[in-house]
Protein backbone atom coordinates (compact mmCIF):
# COMPACT_ATOMS: atom_id res chain seq x y z
CA MET A 1 0.00 0.00 0.00
CA ASN A 2 1.39 3.36 -1.00
CA GLY A 3 1.66 6.29 1.37
CA VAL A 4 2.11 6.52 5.11
CA MET A 5 0.53 4.15 7.60
CA THR A 6 -0.07 5.40 11.12
CA GLY A 7 0.27 3.51 14.36
CA LEU A 8 -3.51 2.94 14.31
CA ASP A 9 -3.29 1.42 10.82
CA LEU A 10 -0.50 -0.90 11.95
CA LEU A 11 -2.29 -1.86 15.16
CA GLY A 12 -5.18 -3.06 13.00
CA ALA A 13 -2.86 -4.78 10.54
CA GLU A 14 -1.42 -6.87 13.37
CA GLY A 15 -4.92 -7.84 14.53
CA TYR A 16 -4.87 -5.78 17.76
CA GLN A 17 -2.88 -8.59 19.32
CA ARG A 18 -1.17 -6.45 21.95
CA LEU A 19 -4.55 -5.32 23.30
CA ARG A 20 -6.40 -8.64 23.35
CA GLY A 21 -7.76 -9.67 26.71
CA GLN A 22 -7.16 -6.17 28.08
CA ARG A 23 -9.32 -3.43 29.56
CA VAL A 24 -8.43 -0.41 27.45
CA GLY A 25 -8.56 3.33 27.98
CA LEU A 26 -8.16 5.44 24.85
CA LEU A 27 -6.89 9.03 24.69
CA ALA A 28 -8.21 10.22 21.35
CA HIS A 29 -10.08 12.92 19.46
CA ALA A 30 -11.86 13.44 16.16
CA ALA A 31 -8.67 12.98 14.12
CA SER A 32 -7.94 9.53 15.57
CA VAL A 33 -8.84 7.78 12.33
CA ASP A 34 -7.16 5.25 10.06
CA ARG A 35 -6.43 5.68 6.37
CA ARG A 36 -10.07 4.82 5.57
CA LEU A 37 -11.43 7.39 8.06
CA ARG A 38 -12.54 4.70 10.49
CA HIS A 39 -12.29 6.00 14.05
CA ALA A 40 -10.19 4.26 16.70
CA VAL A 41 -13.23 3.90 18.98
CA ASP A 42 -15.22 2.06 16.33
CA LEU A 43 -12.28 -0.14 15.44
CA LEU A 44 -11.54 -1.14 19.03
CA GLN A 45 -15.19 -1.75 19.81
CA GLY A 46 -15.24 -4.19 16.92
CA VAL A 47 -12.59 -6.45 18.46
CA PRO A 48 -14.40 -9.14 20.53
CA ASP A 49 -11.78 -9.66 23.24
CA VAL A 50 -10.81 -6.01 23.71
CA LYS A 51 -12.83 -4.16 26.35
CA LEU A 52 -12.86 -0.41 25.65
CA VAL A 53 -13.69 0.98 29.09
CA SER A 54 -13.15 4.71 28.72
CA VAL A 55 -12.26 7.38 26.18
CA PHE A 56 -10.29 10.40 27.35
CA GLY A 57 -10.70 13.61 25.37
CA PRO A 58 -8.03 16.39 25.22
CA GLU A 59 -8.55 20.14 24.81
CA HIS A 60 -11.31 20.96 22.29
CA GLY A 61 -13.21 17.83 23.30
CA TRP A 62 -13.37 14.29 22.00
CA PHE A 63 -15.38 15.52 19.00
CA GLY A 64 -13.06 18.51 18.43
CA GLN A 65 -15.97 20.92 18.76
CA ALA A 66 -14.90 23.20 21.61
CA GLN A 67 -13.15 26.53 21.09
CA ASP A 68 -9.86 27.39 22.77
CA LEU A 69 -10.09 27.89 26.55
CA GLU A 70 -13.60 26.39 26.53
CA ALA A 71 -14.13 23.83 29.29
CA VAL A 72 -15.50 20.46 28.18
CA SER A 73 -17.68 18.26 30.38
CA ASP A 74 -17.51 14.49 30.71
CA GLY A 75 -19.80 12.28 28.64
CA PRO A 76 -22.15 11.38 27.28
CA ASP A 77 -21.19 7.73 27.05
CA ILE A 78 -20.74 6.28 23.58
CA GLY A 79 -23.79 4.07 23.16
CA ALA A 80 -25.73 2.19 25.82
CA ALA A 81 -22.95 -0.32 26.49
CA GLY A 82 -20.10 1.75 25.12
CA PRO A 83 -17.19 3.46 26.86
CA ARG A 84 -17.65 6.58 28.92
CA ILE A 85 -16.06 9.84 27.79
CA ILE A 86 -13.78 11.57 30.31
CA SER A 87 -12.72 15.14 29.57
CA LEU A 88 -9.13 16.10 30.26
CA TYR A 89 -9.92 19.78 29.72
CA GLY A 90 -12.40 21.01 32.30
CA ASP A 91 -12.63 24.25 34.24
CA THR A 92 -9.74 23.66 36.64
CA ALA A 93 -6.04 22.91 36.27
CA GLU A 94 -6.67 19.61 38.08
CA SER A 95 -8.99 18.50 35.28
CA LEU A 96 -6.06 18.33 32.85
CA ARG A 97 -4.81 15.06 34.37
CA PRO A 98 -6.51 11.67 34.66
CA THR A 99 -7.06 10.52 38.21
CA ALA A 100 -5.62 7.35 39.69
CA GLU A 101 -9.20 6.07 40.10
CA GLN A 102 -9.94 6.56 36.40
CA LEU A 103 -6.76 4.76 35.38
CA ALA A 104 -7.28 1.94 37.90
CA GLU A 105 -10.19 0.71 35.75
CA ILE A 106 -7.93 -0.13 32.80
CA ASP A 107 -4.99 -2.40 32.02
CA VAL A 108 -3.53 -0.28 29.23
CA LEU A 109 -3.86 3.32 28.06
CA VAL A 110 -3.74 3.74 24.28
CA ILE A 111 -2.84 7.24 23.04
CA ASP A 112 -3.78 8.19 19.49
CA LEU A 113 -3.66 11.94 18.87
CA GLN A 114 -2.80 13.94 15.76
CA ASP A 115 -0.42 16.64 16.94
CA ILE A 116 0.36 19.90 15.11
CA GLY A 117 4.09 20.18 15.84
CA SER A 118 4.19 23.18 18.17
CA ARG A 119 4.98 23.52 21.87
CA TYR A 120 1.81 25.57 22.43
CA TYR A 121 -0.53 22.99 20.95
CA THR A 122 -1.64 21.13 24.03
CA PHE A 123 -2.03 17.51 22.93
CA HIS A 124 1.55 16.63 23.82
CA ALA A 125 0.99 18.22 27.24
CA THR A 126 -2.03 15.99 27.78
CA MET A 127 0.07 13.01 26.74
CA LEU A 128 2.80 14.01 29.18
CA TYR A 129 0.32 14.38 32.04
CA CYS A 130 -1.08 10.93 31.21
CA LEU A 131 2.43 9.46 31.17
CA GLU A 132 3.10 10.97 34.58
CA ALA A 133 -0.17 9.59 35.93
CA ALA A 134 0.60 6.17 34.43
CA HIS A 135 4.07 6.24 35.98
CA ALA A 136 2.54 6.83 39.42
CA ILE A 137 0.59 3.55 39.26
CA GLY A 138 2.75 1.46 36.92
CA LEU A 139 0.28 1.46 34.03
CA ARG A 140 1.13 0.20 30.55
CA VAL A 141 0.88 2.82 27.78
CA VAL A 142 0.76 2.27 24.01
CA VAL A 143 1.30 5.32 21.77
CA LEU A 144 0.00 5.02 18.22
CA ASP A 145 2.28 7.40 16.37
CA ARG A 146 1.32 9.83 13.63
CA PRO A 147 3.41 12.12 11.40
CA ASN A 148 4.31 15.64 12.40
CA PRO A 149 2.20 17.50 9.82
CA ILE A 150 4.69 20.35 9.31
CA ASP A 151 7.76 18.12 8.83
CA GLY A 152 10.13 16.49 11.26
CA LEU A 153 13.27 18.35 10.20
CA THR A 154 12.70 21.95 11.21
CA VAL A 155 13.42 23.13 14.75
CA GLU A 156 12.69 26.77 15.57
CA GLY A 157 12.06 29.07 18.47
CA PRO A 158 13.26 29.97 21.94
CA ALA A 159 13.73 27.57 24.82
CA LEU A 160 11.36 27.41 27.78
CA ALA A 161 12.87 29.00 30.89
CA PRO A 162 12.35 27.55 34.38
CA GLY A 163 9.29 29.05 36.03
CA TYR A 164 7.38 29.45 32.76
CA GLU A 165 6.01 25.91 32.55
CA SER A 166 2.28 25.65 31.83
CA PHE A 167 -0.23 23.62 29.84
CA ILE A 168 0.98 25.41 26.69
CA GLY A 169 4.58 24.68 27.60
CA PRO A 170 4.85 21.82 30.09
CA TYR A 171 8.49 21.09 29.35
CA ASP A 172 11.49 22.66 27.64
CA ILE A 173 11.18 21.77 23.97
CA ALA A 174 11.50 24.09 20.97
CA VAL A 175 8.41 26.02 19.86
CA ARG A 176 8.52 24.14 16.56
CA HIS A 177 9.98 20.88 17.76
CA GLY A 178 9.97 18.74 14.61
CA MET A 179 9.05 15.58 16.53
CA THR A 180 6.16 13.13 16.56
CA LEU A 181 4.19 12.32 19.70
CA GLY A 182 5.88 8.93 19.83
CA GLU A 183 9.28 10.60 19.81
CA LEU A 184 8.19 13.10 22.44
CA ALA A 185 6.93 10.23 24.60
CA ARG A 186 10.42 8.72 24.46
CA LEU A 187 11.99 12.06 25.39
CA TYR A 188 9.58 12.62 28.28
CA GLN A 189 10.03 9.12 29.65
CA ALA A 190 13.82 9.44 29.63
CA GLU A 191 14.28 13.04 30.74
CA LYS A 192 11.52 13.04 33.35
CA LYS A 193 12.51 9.53 34.52
CA LEU A 194 9.08 8.00 33.99
CA HIS A 195 10.42 4.47 34.08
CA ASN A 196 7.48 2.88 35.89
CA ILE A 197 5.59 2.67 32.59
CA GLY A 198 5.47 -0.19 30.13
CA LEU A 199 5.76 2.27 27.25
CA GLU A 200 5.24 0.88 23.76
CA ILE A 201 5.22 2.95 20.60
CA ILE A 202 3.84 1.73 17.30
CA PRO A 203 5.66 3.93 14.79
CA CYS A 204 4.41 5.04 11.40
CA THR A 205 5.70 3.44 8.26
CA GLY A 206 6.47 5.30 5.06
CA TRP A 207 6.96 8.69 6.69
CA ALA A 208 10.11 10.65 5.85
CA ARG A 209 11.04 13.55 8.12
CA GLY A 210 10.82 16.09 5.31
CA MET A 211 7.16 15.32 4.59
CA TYR A 212 4.28 17.69 5.26
CA HIS A 213 0.90 16.13 5.90
CA ASP A 214 -0.36 16.74 2.37
CA GLU A 215 2.50 14.55 1.09
CA THR A 216 1.54 11.52 3.22
CA ARG A 217 -1.70 10.56 1.44
CA LEU A 218 -3.37 10.44 4.84
CA PRO A 219 -6.73 12.19 5.32
CA TRP A 220 -6.69 15.54 7.10
CA VAL A 221 -9.19 15.77 9.95
CA MET A 222 -9.48 19.01 11.90
CA THR A 223 -7.88 18.61 15.31
CA SER A 224 -9.66 21.69 16.68
CA PRO A 225 -12.14 24.26 15.35
CA ASN A 226 -9.38 26.66 14.29
CA MET A 227 -7.06 24.13 12.64
CA PRO A 228 -8.88 23.58 9.33
CA THR A 229 -5.95 22.97 6.97
CA VAL A 230 -2.29 22.06 6.68
CA GLU A 231 -1.68 25.71 5.77
CA THR A 232 -3.06 26.71 9.16
CA ALA A 233 -0.72 24.28 10.90
CA THR A 234 2.22 25.66 8.91
CA VAL A 235 1.81 29.20 10.23
CA TYR A 236 0.53 28.28 13.70
CA PRO A 237 3.90 27.98 15.55
CA GLY A 238 4.41 31.71 15.00
CA GLN A 239 0.94 33.17 14.70
CA CYS A 240 -0.24 31.63 17.97
CA LEU A 241 1.95 34.23 19.70
CA PHE A 242 -0.74 36.77 18.84
CA GLU A 243 -3.02 35.05 21.35
CA GLY A 244 -0.87 36.85 23.93
CA THR A 245 -1.88 40.28 22.56
CA ASN A 246 -5.04 42.30 21.96
CA LEU A 247 -4.78 41.68 18.20
CA SER A 248 -7.15 39.31 16.47
CA GLU A 249 -5.36 36.15 15.31
CA GLY A 250 -8.20 35.47 12.89
CA ARG A 251 -10.38 33.34 15.15
CA GLY A 252 -13.94 33.79 14.02
CA THR A 253 -12.89 33.83 10.37
CA THR A 254 -12.33 31.10 7.81
CA ARG A 255 -8.57 31.77 7.90
CA PRO A 256 -7.56 31.55 11.57
CA PHE A 257 -3.88 32.35 12.25
CA GLU A 258 -3.36 33.45 8.64
CA LEU A 259 -5.24 36.70 9.32
CA ILE A 260 -3.84 39.16 11.86
CA GLY A 261 -5.24 42.60 12.58
CA ALA A 262 -7.14 45.08 14.73
CA PRO A 263 -9.68 47.88 14.16
CA TRP A 264 -7.06 50.62 14.41
CA LEU A 265 -4.53 49.23 11.93
CA ASP A 266 -3.97 50.68 8.46
CA ALA A 267 -3.93 47.55 6.31
CA PRO A 268 -2.00 48.91 3.28
CA ALA A 269 0.62 50.54 5.50
CA LEU A 270 1.06 47.34 7.49
CA ALA A 271 1.39 45.16 4.40
CA ALA A 272 3.92 47.55 2.86
CA ARG A 273 6.04 47.61 5.99
CA LEU A 274 6.00 43.82 6.37
CA ASN A 275 6.77 43.11 2.72
CA GLY A 276 9.65 45.56 3.06
CA GLU A 277 11.20 43.31 5.71
CA SER A 278 11.96 40.62 3.06
CA ILE A 279 10.92 37.79 5.38
CA PRO A 280 11.86 34.41 3.84
CA GLY A 281 8.98 32.43 2.37
CA ALA A 282 6.33 34.97 3.37
CA ALA A 283 4.21 37.58 1.62
CA PHE A 284 1.62 39.86 3.19
CA ARG A 285 -1.62 41.00 1.57
CA ALA A 286 -3.51 43.96 2.96
CA THR A 287 -7.06 43.06 3.94
CA ILE A 288 -10.06 43.93 6.08
CA PHE A 289 -11.71 41.11 8.04
CA ASN A 290 -14.58 40.91 10.50
CA PRO A 291 -14.30 38.20 13.18
CA THR A 292 -17.60 36.61 14.15
CA PHE A 293 -16.46 35.88 17.70
CA GLN A 294 -13.68 36.41 20.26
CA LYS A 295 -11.37 39.42 19.92
CA HIS A 296 -12.89 42.37 18.03
CA ALA A 297 -16.01 40.37 17.16
CA ASP A 298 -18.24 42.12 14.63
CA GLU A 299 -15.67 44.87 14.05
CA ASN A 300 -13.82 45.53 10.82
CA CYS A 301 -10.14 44.83 11.44
CA GLY A 302 -7.40 46.26 9.29
CA GLY A 303 -4.66 43.72 8.88
CA VAL A 304 -2.88 41.29 6.64
CA GLN A 305 -3.23 37.76 5.41
CA LEU A 306 0.05 35.87 5.70
CA HIS A 307 0.72 33.91 2.52
CA VAL A 308 3.43 31.26 2.69
CA THR A 309 5.21 31.38 -0.67
CA ASN A 310 7.89 28.80 0.16
CA ARG A 311 7.20 26.60 3.15
CA ARG A 312 10.70 25.13 3.13
CA ALA A 313 12.17 28.59 3.63
CA PHE A 314 9.36 29.92 5.84
CA GLN A 315 10.16 30.29 9.54
CA PRO A 316 6.89 30.93 11.36
CA VAL A 317 8.22 31.94 14.77
CA ARG A 318 10.71 34.43 13.35
CA THR A 319 8.01 35.77 11.06
CA ALA A 320 5.67 36.39 13.99
CA VAL A 321 8.32 38.32 15.92
CA ALA A 322 8.94 40.51 12.86
CA MET A 323 5.20 41.12 12.58
CA LEU A 324 4.98 42.04 16.26
CA GLU A 325 7.75 44.60 15.92
CA VAL A 326 6.08 46.28 12.94
CA ILE A 327 2.55 46.15 14.34
CA ARG A 328 3.64 47.62 17.68
CA SER A 329 5.35 50.48 15.88
CA LEU A 330 2.14 51.23 13.95
CA SER A 331 -0.18 50.83 16.94
CA GLY A 332 1.29 53.05 19.61
CA GLU A 333 -0.52 52.75 22.94
CA ARG A 334 -3.41 50.85 21.38
CA PHE A 335 -1.33 47.66 21.34
CA VAL A 336 -1.33 45.83 24.69
CA TRP A 337 -0.27 42.43 25.95
CA ARG A 338 -3.08 40.11 27.01
CA SER A 339 -3.43 40.24 30.80
CA GLU A 340 -6.35 37.88 31.48
CA THR A 341 -5.84 34.43 32.99
CA TYR A 342 -4.67 32.14 30.21
CA GLU A 343 -4.71 28.34 30.37
CA PHE A 344 -5.28 28.48 34.15
CA VAL A 345 -2.31 30.83 34.75
CA SER A 346 -2.49 34.53 35.70
CA ASP A 347 1.21 35.18 36.22
CA PRO A 348 3.30 35.05 34.02
CA ILE A 349 1.14 36.71 31.37
CA ALA A 350 0.01 34.85 28.26
CA PHE A 351 2.68 36.12 25.87
CA ASP A 352 5.47 35.14 28.24
CA LEU A 353 3.98 31.67 28.68
CA LEU A 354 3.82 31.28 24.92
CA SER A 355 7.35 32.52 24.22
CA GLY A 356 8.76 30.64 27.19
CA SER A 357 10.06 33.62 29.19
CA SER A 358 9.76 37.40 29.40
CA ARG A 359 12.86 37.86 27.23
CA GLU A 360 11.14 38.33 23.87
CA ARG A 361 8.49 40.67 25.27
CA ARG A 362 11.05 42.82 27.05
CA ALA A 363 13.22 42.97 23.94
CA LEU A 364 10.28 44.12 21.82
CA GLU A 365 9.36 46.74 24.43
CA ALA A 366 12.96 47.97 24.42
CA GLY A 367 12.90 48.43 20.65
CA THR A 368 15.36 45.61 19.88
CA PRO A 369 15.23 44.82 16.14
CA TRP A 370 13.49 41.53 15.44
CA ARG A 371 16.49 40.04 13.64
CA GLU A 372 18.59 40.60 16.75
CA ILE A 373 15.93 38.97 18.94
CA VAL A 374 15.71 35.81 16.86
CA GLU A 375 19.49 35.55 16.47
CA SER A 376 19.66 34.78 20.19
CA TRP A 377 17.67 31.59 19.62
CA LYS A 378 20.31 29.83 17.53
CA PRO A 379 22.27 28.25 20.43
CA GLU A 380 19.02 27.10 22.04
CA GLU A 381 17.76 25.60 18.79
CA ALA A 382 21.07 23.80 18.23
CA ALA A 383 21.01 22.44 21.78
CA PHE A 384 17.50 21.06 21.29
CA VAL A 385 18.47 19.44 17.98
CA ASP A 386 21.24 17.62 19.87
CA ARG A 387 18.94 16.63 22.74
CA ARG A 388 16.19 15.25 20.57
CA GLY A 389 18.49 13.13 18.43
CA THR A 390 18.49 10.26 20.93
CA TYR A 391 14.72 9.92 20.77
CA LEU A 392 14.01 10.09 17.04
CA LEU A 393 12.27 7.09 15.50
CA TYR A 394 12.52 8.08 11.83
CA PRO A 395 15.71 8.77 9.86
């Protein structure tokens, strides 16, 4: 069969042997499908001697319907005799982790999540919290691996400083880490010494590290309401930084994270300034957009659409810092950093949690040119490339 096969595909190809006779918990979401778009829940429920006890859902809910920061309740159960749904994204920080009582009901936890390849995207954090909970009770964990949709070669962005850990940065990895969830599971187990887990990883076959998702021949299923396309995922590692500001990052439009703006911005002036920066792989088109919800809902926002002209050259995190410098210079006092509680944390503020420290924010406030800011990341990026090498599963 041509194309990539995921861990779920391979689990089925081997007849689910490693799960037979077991009580299973499944951490999954809407994108947990095989090559034929059959969901992991349906597949496991069809195996006579596999008992699917519970399904854990990450941020955005098991169905992928919930917006960012929107708490998701447990249930309903899947069918009269089906597994119960347990939300791992409720209204408290404690809800982000499975309890020992929930895990005591199962013999093995199967993790099948499609990640997006960025430190902020919280599925790897949920996986880490599940690994820590499994370690505490000696639970077996099987990770069904999937490709990193924005390639497994590129590493970009600042390190995470001590004291800035959160759900959007639970551990020091690069902003664009270039790893799969299976590889991250190996890194977390080793570096956090989670050795009381029977960790098994079923790797993909046919995936080369240079592949983007649209080169795998796998179906794309939205992992959250504002992740509609591979193009969205490509810009996300940089554009998510705008969540830490009072600018609209395009939520409430059909092009989330590609559109950036605010009611006070002069769209043509912004586009001209950004295109004058000669940012690799990026072009900026002046536009007016009107978000239907969240920041600046029902207001016309002047801004730009970010067009990726060469995704191999495009560096999303560097691009976002360049955009922040230019937008701040055009906004004056109207630009502010987001100060509300963000992912259950009030201090540090959202932008610092996203960037991994206060360094980038303070540099922008001091008027440091964006190229100088991003130059400081190179030693940190190189160090992470060295660290991750031990845990890579794919050449």
